[in-house]
C-alpha atoms as a PDB file:
ATOM      1  CA  MET A   1    -111.166  38.381 213.243  1.00  0.00           C
ATOM      2  CA  LEU A   2    -114.719  39.569 213.416  1.00  0.00           C
ATOM      3  CA  ALA A   3    -116.381  42.832 214.230  1.00  0.00           C
ATOM      4  CA  TYR A   4    -119.708  43.028 216.059  1.00  0.00           C
ATOM      5  CA  SER A   5    -122.725  43.840 213.901  1.00  0.00           C
ATOM      6  CA  GLY A   6    -124.960  44.978 216.776  1.00  0.00           C
ATOM      7  CA  LYS A   7    -127.496  42.159 216.419  1.00  0.00           C
ATOM      8  CA  GLY A   8    -125.944  39.343 218.385  1.00  0.00           C
ATOM      9  CA  ARG A   9    -123.436  38.672 215.591  1.00  0.00           C
ATOM     10  CA  PHE A  10    -120.102  40.084 214.480  1.00  0.00           C
ATOM     11  CA  VAL A  11    -118.481  40.400 211.069  1.00  0.00           C
ATOM     12  CA  VAL A  12    -115.329  41.452 209.224  1.00  0.00           C
ATOM     13  CA  GLU A  13    -115.964  44.620 207.244  1.00  0.00           C
ATOM     14  CA  LYS A  14    -114.430  46.214 204.193  1.00  0.00           C
ATOM     15  CA  ILE A  15    -113.371  49.623 205.461  1.00  0.00           C
ATOM     16  CA  ASN A  16    -111.714  52.795 204.217  1.00  0.00           C
ATOM     17  CA  LEU A  17    -109.072  53.826 206.755  1.00  0.00           C
ATOM     18  CA  SER A  18    -109.174  57.444 205.582  1.00  0.00           C
ATOM     19  CA  VAL A  19    -112.853  57.631 206.485  1.00  0.00           C
ATOM     20  CA  LEU A  20    -112.230  55.874 209.794  1.00  0.00           C
ATOM     21  CA  VAL A  21    -109.520  58.400 210.750  1.00  0.00           C
ATOM     22  CA  GLU A  22    -111.762  61.350 209.854  1.00  0.00           C
ATOM     23  CA  GLU A  23    -114.574  59.948 211.986  1.00  0.00           C
ATOM     24  CA  LEU A  24    -112.212  59.641 214.955  1.00  0.00           C
ATOM     25  CA  LEU A  25    -111.015  63.245 214.749  1.00  0.00           C
ATOM     26  CA  PRO A  26    -113.423  64.650 217.389  1.00  0.00           C
ATOM     27  CA  LEU A  27    -112.414  61.894 219.828  1.00  0.00           C
ATOM     28  CA  MET A  28    -108.722  62.553 219.147  1.00  0.00           C
ATOM     29  CA  HIS A  29    -109.136  66.231 219.989  1.00  0.00           C
ATOM     30  CA  SER A  30    -110.870  65.306 223.238  1.00  0.00           C
ATOM     31  CA  VAL A  31    -108.011  63.127 224.543  1.00  0.00           C
ATOM     32  CA  ILE A  32    -104.774  64.696 223.260  1.00  0.00           C
ATOM     33  CA  SER A  33    -102.868  67.623 224.727  1.00  0.00           C
ATOM     34  CA  LYS A  34    -104.446  71.003 224.029  1.00  0.00           C
ATOM     35  CA  LYS A  35    -101.044  72.082 222.701  1.00  0.00           C
ATOM     36  CA  ALA A  36    -101.010  69.353 220.051  1.00  0.00           C
ATOM     37  CA  ALA A  37    -102.147  70.065 216.497  1.00  0.00           C
ATOM     38  CA  ILE A  38    -103.424  67.237 214.293  1.00  0.00           C
ATOM     39  CA  ASN A  39    -102.550  67.323 210.597  1.00  0.00           C
ATOM     40  CA  LEU A  40    -104.440  64.951 208.297  1.00  0.00           C
ATOM     41  CA  ARG A  41    -103.010  63.856 204.937  1.00  0.00           C
ATOM     42  CA  LEU A  42    -105.551  61.294 203.841  1.00  0.00           C
ATOM     43  CA  ASP A  43    -105.929  59.597 200.477  1.00  0.00           C
ATOM     44  CA  LYS A  44    -109.571  60.161 199.548  1.00  0.00           C
ATOM     45  CA  GLU A  45    -109.509  57.232 197.102  1.00  0.00           C
ATOM     46  CA  LEU A  46    -107.782  54.752 199.373  1.00  0.00           C
ATOM     47  CA  PRO A  47    -108.464  51.085 198.542  1.00  0.00           C
ATOM     48  CA  LEU A  48    -110.503  49.145 201.091  1.00  0.00           C
ATOM     49  CA  VAL A  49    -109.089  46.730 203.638  1.00  0.00           C
ATOM     50  CA  GLU A  50    -110.872  43.899 205.423  1.00  0.00           C
ATOM     51  CA  ALA A  51    -110.650  44.626 209.117  1.00  0.00           C
ATOM     52  CA  ASP A  52    -112.280  44.705 212.516  1.00  0.00           C
ATOM     53  CA  VAL A  53    -113.477  48.317 212.726  1.00  0.00           C
ATOM     54  CA  THR A  54    -113.348  48.444 216.516  1.00  0.00           C
ATOM     55  CA  GLN A  55    -109.785  47.174 216.652  1.00  0.00           C
ATOM     56  CA  MET A  56    -108.652  49.559 213.906  1.00  0.00           C
ATOM     57  CA  ARG A  57    -110.080  52.443 215.933  1.00  0.00           C
ATOM     58  CA  GLN A  58    -108.130  51.169 218.928  1.00  0.00           C
ATOM     59  CA  VAL A  59    -104.916  51.097 216.869  1.00  0.00           C
ATOM     60  CA  VAL A  60    -105.352  54.677 215.652  1.00  0.00           C
ATOM     61  CA  MET A  61    -106.269  56.018 219.078  1.00  0.00           C
ATOM     62  CA  ASN A  62    -103.379  54.234 220.788  1.00  0.00           C
ATOM     63  CA  LEU A  63    -100.871  55.670 218.324  1.00  0.00           C
ATOM     64  CA  VAL A  64    -102.349  59.161 218.564  1.00  0.00           C
ATOM     65  CA  THR A  65    -102.397  59.193 222.379  1.00  0.00           C
ATOM     66  CA  ASN A  66     -98.807  57.931 222.442  1.00  0.00           C
ATOM     67  CA  ALA A  67     -97.848  60.707 220.024  1.00  0.00           C
ATOM     68  CA  SER A  68     -99.553  63.268 222.244  1.00  0.00           C
ATOM     69  CA  ASP A  69     -97.747  61.933 225.321  1.00  0.00           C
ATOM     70  CA  SER A  70     -94.411  62.261 223.520  1.00  0.00           C
ATOM     71  CA  LEU A  71     -94.950  66.023 223.177  1.00  0.00           C
ATOM     72  CA  MET A  72     -94.712  66.221 226.990  1.00  0.00           C
ATOM     73  CA  GLU A  73     -97.208  69.116 227.204  1.00  0.00           C
ATOM     74  CA  LYS A  74     -95.176  71.187 224.730  1.00  0.00           C
ATOM     75  CA  SER A  75     -96.574  72.586 221.499  1.00  0.00           C
ATOM     76  CA  GLY A  76     -96.210  70.165 218.618  1.00  0.00           C
ATOM     77  CA  ALA A  77     -97.835  68.386 215.710  1.00  0.00           C
ATOM     78  CA  ILE A  78     -99.245  64.921 215.105  1.00  0.00           C
ATOM     79  CA  THR A  79     -99.509  63.964 211.436  1.00  0.00           C
ATOM     80  CA  ILE A  80    -101.757  61.134 210.279  1.00  0.00           C
ATOM     81  CA  LYS A  81    -101.371  59.957 206.694  1.00  0.00           C
ATOM     82  CA  THR A  82    -102.988  57.238 204.605  1.00  0.00           C
ATOM     83  CA  ALA A  83    -101.657  56.181 201.204  1.00  0.00           C
ATOM     84  CA  ILE A  84    -101.176  53.294 198.827  1.00  0.00           C
ATOM     85  CA  ALA A  85     -97.863  51.614 199.622  1.00  0.00           C
ATOM     86  CA  GLY A  86     -95.237  51.975 196.929  1.00  0.00           C
ATOM     87  CA  ASP A  87     -92.173  49.987 195.963  1.00  0.00           C
ATOM     88  CA  GLY A  88     -89.497  50.594 198.607  1.00  0.00           C
ATOM     89  CA  GLU A  89     -91.992  51.978 201.130  1.00  0.00           C
ATOM     90  CA  PRO A  90     -90.054  53.519 204.071  1.00  0.00           C
ATOM     91  CA  GLY A  91     -89.954  51.108 206.978  1.00  0.00           C
ATOM     92  CA  PHE A  92     -90.723  48.110 204.765  1.00  0.00           C
ATOM     93  CA  PRO A  93     -87.669  47.526 202.547  1.00  0.00           C
ATOM     94  CA  GLY A  94     -88.968  44.201 201.222  1.00  0.00           C
ATOM     95  CA  LEU A  95     -92.199  45.619 199.811  1.00  0.00           C
ATOM     96  CA  GLY A  96     -91.065  45.405 196.217  1.00  0.00           C
ATOM     97  CA  GLY A  97     -90.077  41.730 196.508  1.00  0.00           C
ATOM     98  CA  ALA A  98     -91.870  38.704 195.151  1.00  0.00           C
ATOM     99  CA  GLN A  99     -94.103  38.325 198.209  1.00  0.00           C
ATOM    100  CA  LYS A 100     -95.252  41.957 198.419  1.00  0.00           C
ATOM    101  CA  LYS A 101     -96.093  43.966 195.323  1.00  0.00           C
ATOM    102  CA  ALA A 102     -96.574  47.717 195.244  1.00  0.00           C
ATOM    103  CA  GLY A 103    -100.258  48.700 195.203  1.00  0.00           C
ATOM    104  CA  GLU A 104    -101.399  45.612 197.099  1.00  0.00           C
ATOM    105  CA  TYR A 105    -100.978  47.311 200.482  1.00  0.00           C
ATOM    106  CA  ILE A 106    -101.971  50.566 202.144  1.00  0.00           C
ATOM    107  CA  VAL A 107     -99.901  52.433 204.706  1.00  0.00           C
ATOM    108  CA  LEU A 108    -101.210  54.251 207.759  1.00  0.00           C
ATOM    109  CA  THR A 109     -98.606  56.647 209.193  1.00  0.00           C
ATOM    110  CA  VAL A 110     -98.763  58.427 212.554  1.00  0.00           C
ATOM    111  CA  ALA A 111     -95.856  60.816 213.143  1.00  0.00           C
ATOM    112  CA  ASP A 112     -95.049  63.348 215.846  1.00  0.00           C
ATOM    113  CA  ASP A 113     -92.318  65.908 216.506  1.00  0.00           C
ATOM    114  CA  GLY A 114     -92.052  65.023 220.180  1.00  0.00           C
ATOM    115  CA  CYS A 115     -89.225  63.843 222.398  1.00  0.00           C
ATOM    116  CA  GLY A 116     -88.381  60.733 220.376  1.00  0.00           C
ATOM    117  CA  MET A 117     -86.643  57.584 221.641  1.00  0.00           C
ATOM    118  CA  ASP A 118     -83.108  56.244 221.757  1.00  0.00           C
ATOM    119  CA  GLU A 119     -82.035  52.836 220.425  1.00  0.00           C
ATOM    120  CA  ALA A 120     -82.331  51.152 223.840  1.00  0.00           C
ATOM    121  CA  THR A 121     -85.947  52.284 224.184  1.00  0.00           C
ATOM    122  CA  LEU A 122     -86.790  51.368 220.591  1.00  0.00           C
ATOM    123  CA  SER A 123     -85.572  47.809 221.144  1.00  0.00           C
ATOM    124  CA  LYS A 124     -88.151  47.323 223.919  1.00  0.00           C
ATOM    125  CA  ILE A 125     -91.031  49.526 222.839  1.00  0.00           C
ATOM    126  CA  PHE A 126     -93.333  46.661 221.781  1.00  0.00           C
ATOM    127  CA  ASP A 127     -92.644  44.640 224.935  1.00  0.00           C
ATOM    128  CA  PRO A 128     -95.921  44.474 226.929  1.00  0.00           C
ATOM    129  CA  PHE A 129     -93.987  44.797 230.182  1.00  0.00           C
ATOM    130  CA  PHE A 130     -92.127  47.940 229.103  1.00  0.00           C
ATOM    131  CA  THR A 131     -93.225  51.557 229.437  1.00  0.00           C
ATOM    132  CA  THR A 132     -91.583  54.945 229.076  1.00  0.00           C
ATOM    133  CA  LYS A 133     -94.437  56.608 230.948  1.00  0.00           C
ATOM    134  CA  ASP A 134     -94.749  57.392 234.637  1.00  0.00           C
ATOM    135  CA  LYS A 135     -98.504  56.910 234.682  1.00  0.00           C
ATOM    136  CA  GLY A 136     -98.608  53.140 234.860  1.00  0.00           C
ATOM    137  CA  ARG A 137     -99.391  52.737 231.163  1.00  0.00           C
ATOM    138  CA  GLY A 138     -97.466  51.088 228.366  1.00  0.00           C
ATOM    139  CA  LEU A 139     -99.592  48.204 227.105  1.00  0.00           C
ATOM    140  CA  GLY A 140    -100.976  50.143 224.152  1.00  0.00           C
ATOM    141  CA  LEU A 141     -98.199  49.434 221.653  1.00  0.00           C
ATOM    142  CA  ALA A 142     -98.101  45.719 222.474  1.00  0.00           C
ATOM    143  CA  SER A 143    -101.844  45.613 221.787  1.00  0.00           C
ATOM    144  CA  VAL A 144    -101.352  47.494 218.525  1.00  0.00           C
ATOM    145  CA  THR A 145     -98.760  44.957 217.399  1.00  0.00           C
ATOM    146  CA  GLY A 146    -101.053  42.037 218.182  1.00  0.00           C
ATOM    147  CA  ILE A 147    -103.959  43.590 216.307  1.00  0.00           C
ATOM    148  CA  ILE A 148    -101.888  44.392 213.219  1.00  0.00           C
ATOM    149  CA  LYS A 149    -100.382  40.904 213.086  1.00  0.00           C
ATOM    150  CA  GLY A 150    -103.889  39.489 213.392  1.00  0.00           C
ATOM    151  CA  HIS A 151    -104.831  41.470 210.273  1.00  0.00           C
ATOM    152  CA  SER A 152    -101.840  40.045 208.307  1.00  0.00           C
ATOM    153  CA  GLY A 153    -100.156  43.431 208.536  1.00  0.00           C
ATOM    154  CA  LYS A 154     -96.800  44.811 209.633  1.00  0.00           C
ATOM    155  CA  ILE A 155     -95.706  47.723 211.770  1.00  0.00           C
ATOM    156  CA  SER A 156     -92.463  49.717 211.747  1.00  0.00           C
ATOM    157  CA  ILE A 157     -91.106  52.572 213.862  1.00  0.00           C
ATOM    158  CA  GLU A 158     -88.502  55.264 213.302  1.00  0.00           C
ATOM    159  CA  SER A 159     -87.385  57.528 216.131  1.00  0.00           C
ATOM    160  CA  ALA A 160     -84.453  59.415 217.582  1.00  0.00           C
ATOM    161  CA  PRO A 161     -84.066  61.642 220.648  1.00  0.00           C
ATOM    162  CA  GLU A 162     -85.553  65.094 220.025  1.00  0.00           C
ATOM    163  CA  LYS A 163     -86.345  64.065 216.425  1.00  0.00           C
ATOM    164  CA  GLY A 164     -89.849  62.730 216.948  1.00  0.00           C
ATOM    165  CA  THR A 165     -91.339  59.324 216.168  1.00  0.00           C
ATOM    166  CA  THR A 166     -93.017  57.818 213.109  1.00  0.00           C
ATOM    167  CA  PHE A 167     -95.137  54.669 213.164  1.00  0.00           C
ATOM    168  CA  ARG A 168     -96.054  53.037 209.855  1.00  0.00           C
ATOM    169  CA  ILE A 169     -98.635  50.282 209.529  1.00  0.00           C
ATOM    170  CA  LEU A 170     -98.880  48.142 206.406  1.00  0.00           C
ATOM    171  CA  LEU A 171    -102.204  46.391 205.682  1.00  0.00           C
ATOM    172  CA  PRO A 172    -103.199  44.250 202.677  1.00  0.00           C
ATOM    173  CA  VAL A 173    -105.741  45.725 200.277  1.00  0.00           C
ATOM    174  CA  THR A 174    -109.002  43.832 199.753  1.00  0.00           C
ATOM    175  CA  GLN A 175    -108.600  41.677 196.662  1.00  0.00           C
ATOM    176  CA  PRO A 176    -110.563  43.002 193.653  1.00  0.00           C
ATOM    177  CA  ASP A 177    -112.005  39.570 192.908  1.00  0.00           C
ATOM    178  CA  SER A 178    -113.690  39.495 196.320  1.00  0.00           C
ATOM    179  CA  THR A 179    -117.371  39.773 195.344  1.00  0.00           C
ATOM    180  CA  LYS A 180    -118.964  39.101 198.728  1.00  0.00           C
ATOM    181  CA  GLU A 181    -121.327  41.742 200.004  1.00  0.00           C
ATOM    182  CA  LEU A 182    -120.924  42.636 203.665  1.00  0.00           C
ATOM    183  CA  SER A 183    -124.132  40.766 204.481  1.00  0.00           C
ATOM    184  CA  GLU A 184    -122.620  37.598 203.006  1.00  0.00           C
ATOM    185  CA  ILE A 185    -119.409  37.576 205.041  1.00  0.00           C
ATOM    186  CA  GLN A 186    -119.157  35.056 207.866  1.00  0.00           C
ATOM    187  CA  TYR A 187    -121.312  35.750 210.924  1.00  0.00           C
ATOM    188  CA  VAL A 188    -120.919  34.208 214.357  1.00  0.00           C
ATOM    189  CA  ASP A 189    -123.337  34.255 217.282  1.00  0.00           C
ATOM    190  CA  VAL A 190    -121.920  35.929 220.366  1.00  0.00           C
ATOM    191  CA  GLY A 191    -124.519  34.480 222.704  1.00  0.00           C
ATOM    192  CA  VAL A 192    -125.813  37.491 224.632  1.00  0.00           C
ATOM    193  CA  PRO A 193    -128.449  36.170 227.107  1.00  0.00           C
ATOM    194  CA  GLU A 194    -131.997  37.008 226.081  1.00  0.00           C
ATOM    195  CA  ASP A 195    -133.003  38.174 229.551  1.00  0.00           C
ATOM    196  CA  GLY A 196    -131.434  41.276 228.793  1.00  0.00           C
ATOM    197  CA  ALA A 197    -128.210  43.016 228.542  1.00  0.00           C
ATOM    198  CA  GLY A 198    -130.433  46.072 228.328  1.00  0.00           C
ATOM    199  CA  SER A 199    -131.407  45.704 231.973  1.00  0.00           C
ATOM    200  CA  LYS A 200    -127.767  45.649 233.119  1.00  0.00           C
ATOM    201  CA  THR A 201    -125.516  48.621 233.826  1.00  0.00           C
ATOM    202  CA  LEU A 202    -121.770  47.991 233.689  1.00  0.00           C
ATOM    203  CA  LEU A 203    -118.918  50.177 234.937  1.00  0.00           C
ATOM    204  CA  LEU A 204    -115.759  50.183 232.786  1.00  0.00           C
ATOM    205  CA  ILE A 205    -112.651  51.576 234.526  1.00  0.00           C
ATOM    206  CA  ASP A 206    -109.552  52.050 232.348  1.00  0.00           C
ATOM    207  CA  ASP A 207    -107.059  54.896 231.980  1.00  0.00           C
ATOM    208  CA  GLU A 208    -106.502  54.376 228.235  1.00  0.00           C
ATOM    209  CA  PRO A 209    -109.025  56.491 226.240  1.00  0.00           C
ATOM    210  CA  SER A 210    -108.925  54.107 223.277  1.00  0.00           C
ATOM    211  CA  VAL A 211    -109.656  51.084 225.485  1.00  0.00           C
ATOM    212  CA  ARG A 212    -112.597  52.883 227.118  1.00  0.00           C
ATOM    213  CA  MET A 213    -113.920  53.837 223.702  1.00  0.00           C
ATOM    214  CA  VAL A 214    -113.593  50.330 222.253  1.00  0.00           C
ATOM    215  CA  GLY A 215    -114.941  48.582 225.344  1.00  0.00           C
ATOM    216  CA  LYS A 216    -117.885  50.956 225.698  1.00  0.00           C
ATOM    217  CA  GLU A 217    -118.768  50.565 222.034  1.00  0.00           C
ATOM    218  CA  MET A 218    -118.654  46.763 222.253  1.00  0.00           C
ATOM    219  CA  LEU A 219    -120.807  46.654 225.380  1.00  0.00           C
ATOM    220  CA  GLU A 220    -123.369  49.149 224.124  1.00  0.00           C
ATOM    221  CA  SER A 221    -123.596  47.220 220.843  1.00  0.00           C
ATOM    222  CA  ALA A 222    -124.486  44.172 222.941  1.00  0.00           C
ATOM    223  CA  GLY A 223    -127.243  46.151 224.654  1.00  0.00           C
ATOM    224  CA  TYR A 224    -125.592  46.988 227.975  1.00  0.00           C
ATOM    225  CA  LYS A 225    -125.760  50.389 229.619  1.00  0.00           C
ATOM    226  CA  VAL A 226    -122.201  51.556 230.270  1.00  0.00           C
ATOM    227  CA  LEU A 227    -120.637  53.995 232.708  1.00  0.00           C
ATOM    228  CA  ALA A 228    -116.943  54.749 232.134  1.00  0.00           C
ATOM    229  CA  ALA A 229    -114.159  56.071 234.351  1.00  0.00           C
ATOM    230  CA  ALA A 230    -110.574  57.126 233.552  1.00  0.00           C
ATOM    231  CA  ASP A 231    -108.964  55.744 236.732  1.00  0.00           C
ATOM    232  CA  GLY A 232    -109.663  54.106 240.081  1.00  0.00           C
ATOM    233  CA  VAL A 233    -110.453  57.336 241.914  1.00  0.00           C
ATOM    234  CA  GLU A 234    -113.067  58.394 239.359  1.00  0.00           C
ATOM    235  CA  GLY A 235    -114.344  54.811 239.175  1.00  0.00           C
ATOM    236  CA  LEU A 236    -114.927  54.669 242.926  1.00  0.00           C
ATOM    237  CA  ASP A 237    -116.840  57.951 242.845  1.00  0.00           C
ATOM    238  CA  ILE A 238    -119.099  56.663 240.079  1.00  0.00           C
ATOM    239  CA  PHE A 239    -119.520  53.295 241.793  1.00  0.00           C
ATOM    240  CA  ALA A 240    -120.468  54.885 245.124  1.00  0.00           C
ATOM    241  CA  THR A 241    -123.063  57.062 243.368  1.00  0.00           C
ATOM    242  CA  HIS A 242    -124.564  54.261 241.235  1.00  0.00           C
ATOM    243  CA  LYS A 243    -123.895  51.171 243.372  1.00  0.00           C
ATOM    244  CA  ASN A 244    -127.566  50.164 243.301  1.00  0.00           C
ATOM    245  CA  GLU A 245    -127.609  50.239 239.499  1.00  0.00           C
ATOM    246  CA  ILE A 246    -124.262  48.670 238.590  1.00  0.00           C
ATOM    247  CA  SER A 247    -124.407  44.926 237.908  1.00  0.00           C
ATOM    248  CA  LEU A 248    -120.731  44.379 237.081  1.00  0.00           C
ATOM    249  CA  VAL A 249    -117.394  46.239 236.984  1.00  0.00           C
ATOM    250  CA  ILE A 250    -114.636  45.783 234.367  1.00  0.00           C
ATOM    251  CA  LEU A 251    -111.447  46.986 236.052  1.00  0.00           C
ATOM    252  CA  ASP A 252    -108.030  47.709 234.544  1.00  0.00           C
ATOM    253  CA  MET A 253    -105.220  46.417 236.745  1.00  0.00           C
ATOM    254  CA  THR A 254    -102.607  49.094 235.973  1.00  0.00           C
ATOM    255  CA  MET A 255    -103.681  52.727 236.346  1.00  0.00           C
ATOM    256  CA  PRO A 256    -102.386  56.040 237.728  1.00  0.00           C
ATOM    257  CA  ARG A 257    -103.549  57.506 241.065  1.00  0.00           C
ATOM    258  CA  MET A 258    -105.115  54.226 242.258  1.00  0.00           C
ATOM    259  CA  ASP A 259    -104.260  50.809 240.800  1.00  0.00           C
ATOM    260  CA  GLY A 260    -106.662  47.965 240.140  1.00  0.00           C
ATOM    261  CA  ALA A 261    -105.867  46.059 243.320  1.00  0.00           C
ATOM    262  CA  GLU A 262    -106.728  48.973 245.618  1.00  0.00           C
ATOM    263  CA  THR A 263    -109.781  49.900 243.549  1.00  0.00           C
ATOM    264  CA  LEU A 264    -111.007  46.297 243.769  1.00  0.00           C
ATOM    265  CA  ARG A 265    -110.647  46.251 247.552  1.00  0.00           C
ATOM    266  CA  ARG A 266    -112.588  49.492 247.928  1.00  0.00           C
ATOM    267  CA  ILE A 267    -115.355  48.409 245.552  1.00  0.00           C
ATOM    268  CA  LYS A 268    -115.760  45.168 247.504  1.00  0.00           C
ATOM    269  CA  ALA A 269    -115.900  47.145 250.744  1.00  0.00           C
ATOM    270  CA  ILE A 270    -118.853  49.099 249.360  1.00  0.00           C
ATOM    271  CA  ALA A 271    -120.677  46.204 247.656  1.00  0.00           C
ATOM    272  CA  PRO A 272    -119.122  42.760 248.273  1.00  0.00           C
ATOM    273  CA  LYS A 273    -121.524  40.911 245.967  1.00  0.00           C
ATOM    274  CA  VAL A 274    -121.009  42.973 242.816  1.00  0.00           C
ATOM    275  CA  PRO A 275    -118.840  40.917 240.405  1.00  0.00           C
ATOM    276  CA  VAL A 276    -115.608  42.520 239.187  1.00  0.00           C
ATOM    277  CA  LEU A 277    -113.759  41.415 236.048  1.00  0.00           C
ATOM    278  CA  LEU A 278    -110.078  42.304 235.996  1.00  0.00           C
ATOM    279  CA  SER A 279    -108.655  43.445 232.676  1.00  0.00           C
ATOM    280  CA  SER A 280    -105.053  43.617 231.519  1.00  0.00           C
ATOM    281  CA  GLY A 281    -102.652  43.060 228.649  1.00  0.00           C
ATOM    282  CA  PHE A 282    -100.694  40.798 231.003  1.00  0.00           C
ATOM    283  CA  SER A 283    -101.522  37.184 231.786  1.00  0.00           C
ATOM    284  CA  GLU A 284    -104.284  35.862 234.020  1.00  0.00           C
ATOM    285  CA  GLU A 285    -101.660  34.770 236.541  1.00  0.00           C
ATOM    286  CA  ASN A 286    -101.764  38.298 237.922  1.00  0.00           C
ATOM    287  CA  ILE A 287    -105.140  37.665 239.603  1.00  0.00           C
ATOM    288  CA  SER A 288    -103.970  34.578 241.509  1.00  0.00           C
ATOM    289  CA  GLY A 289    -103.192  36.580 244.663  1.00  0.00           C
ATOM    290  CA  TYR A 290    -106.786  37.632 245.286  1.00  0.00           C
ATOM    291  CA  GLU A 291    -108.730  35.426 247.665  1.00  0.00           C
ATOM    292  CA  GLY A 292    -111.960  35.413 249.648  1.00  0.00           C
ATOM    293  CA  GLU A 293    -114.446  38.240 249.221  1.00  0.00           C
ATOM    294  CA  ILE A 294    -112.061  40.367 247.168  1.00  0.00           C
ATOM    295  CA  ARG A 295    -111.380  37.663 244.584  1.00  0.00           C
ATOM    296  CA  PRO A 296    -112.499  38.911 241.144  1.00  0.00           C
ATOM    297  CA  ALA A 297    -115.206  37.164 239.156  1.00  0.00           C
ATOM    298  CA  GLY A 298    -112.851  36.580 236.270  1.00  0.00           C
ATOM    299  CA  PHE A 299    -110.279  38.018 233.892  1.00  0.00           C
ATOM    300  CA  VAL A 300    -110.418  39.400 230.365  1.00  0.00           C
ATOM    301  CA  LYS A 301    -107.266  40.036 228.351  1.00  0.00           C
ATOM    302  CA  LYS A 302    -106.688  43.138 226.258  1.00  0.00           C
ATOM    303  CA  PRO A 303    -107.059  43.871 223.411  1.00  0.00           C
ATOM    304  CA  TYR A 304    -110.718  42.931 223.742  1.00  0.00           C
ATOM    305  CA  ARG A 305    -112.155  40.328 221.386  1.00  0.00           C
ATOM    306  CA  MET A 306    -115.916  40.616 221.129  1.00  0.00           C
ATOM    307  CA  LYS A 307    -116.947  37.014 221.817  1.00  0.00           C
ATOM    308  CA  THR A 308    -114.344  36.453 224.550  1.00  0.00           C
ATOM    309  CA  PHE A 309    -115.254  39.766 226.186  1.00  0.00           C
ATOM    310  CA  LEU A 310    -118.998  39.102 226.196  1.00  0.00           C
ATOM    311  CA  ASP A 311    -118.543  35.485 227.289  1.00  0.00           C
ATOM    312  CA  ALA A 312    -116.502  36.601 230.305  1.00  0.00           C
ATOM    313  CA  ILE A 313    -119.191  39.121 231.255  1.00  0.00           C
ATOM    314  CA  SER A 314    -121.974  36.590 230.767  1.00  0.00           C
ATOM    315  CA  LYS A 315    -120.151  34.038 232.915  1.00  0.00           C
ATOM    316  CA  ALA A 316    -119.641  36.583 235.699  1.00  0.00           C
ATOM    317  CA  LEU A 317    -123.280  37.673 235.605  1.00  0.00           C
ATOM    318  CA  TYR A 318    -125.063  34.405 234.919  1.00  0.00           C
ATOM    319  CA  GLY A 319    -122.577  31.681 235.869  1.00  0.00           C
ATOM    320  CA  GLU A 320    -121.951  30.480 232.306  1.00  0.00           C
ATOM    321  CA  ALA A 321    -120.657  31.853 229.013  1.00  0.00           C
ATOM    322  CA  GLY A 322    -123.408  33.149 226.786  1.00  0.00           C
ATOM    323  CA  GLY A 323    -122.283  31.017 223.915  1.00  0.00           C
ATOM    324  CA  ALA A 324    -122.154  27.774 225.934  1.00  0.00           C
END
């Protein structure tokens, strides 16, 4: 896993999750319910972990927005805690065993006092095809699971109806004998075309705030100008206003108010030649029904991976992946 460095390369970083959470606080306040209070209980001397910064931000924001949704517009609290994992850490009963020693892991906890979930819901909550929401969302927790597994971590959940929900994420601490400076960690070219991402304006349409944040950050790091919209209706308004500037659209397939299919048709009615990349946590098979002028230029799976994301955009814009 590699995080983009902003210079045509990306790199794993040693990060402090307490600092990362604090930096995200303004964004959290902008996307959660105005009736939700955020309580931070952060270990100021938390050991570092090796992680993709962008994906860790996506994890935190997904959990926080889910916690806010669970309050159902009622007053409530969201508590975010970071700590060194101890022997018998709640949610991870095997932590004290031979394979996992206390002090070698950190725990990120996101808890709310919202509506909670019953056992039937809990058994399906990480299924990418399952949602408890009526807004067409529900891929966030499946993405979180994939990201955490990719970082050699674990995730647990405790919940009960009207008792709230607690997510705990376990991540391995950076080994003390790791002497590499950040500049020495593995770099990989992402192959952004030299003729200029900077001359291209992209429109990113997605109803998940964390996905918009992550996608926008990735694209701007690659030099693109980015416009962002929270759903198909807003996306169409922006597209109609800036249709002469927008070179490509990245379009979520599952959104409230207007889904990706209808948004795609309307975009193509305005500007048939503008390429549209469909985006989803589901499989690419979902785009097979689009034909003719409304067929998308490609598909990119969430959660976004920097090289795959930029290659898909490059292929749609230039006819080949930037790294080819």
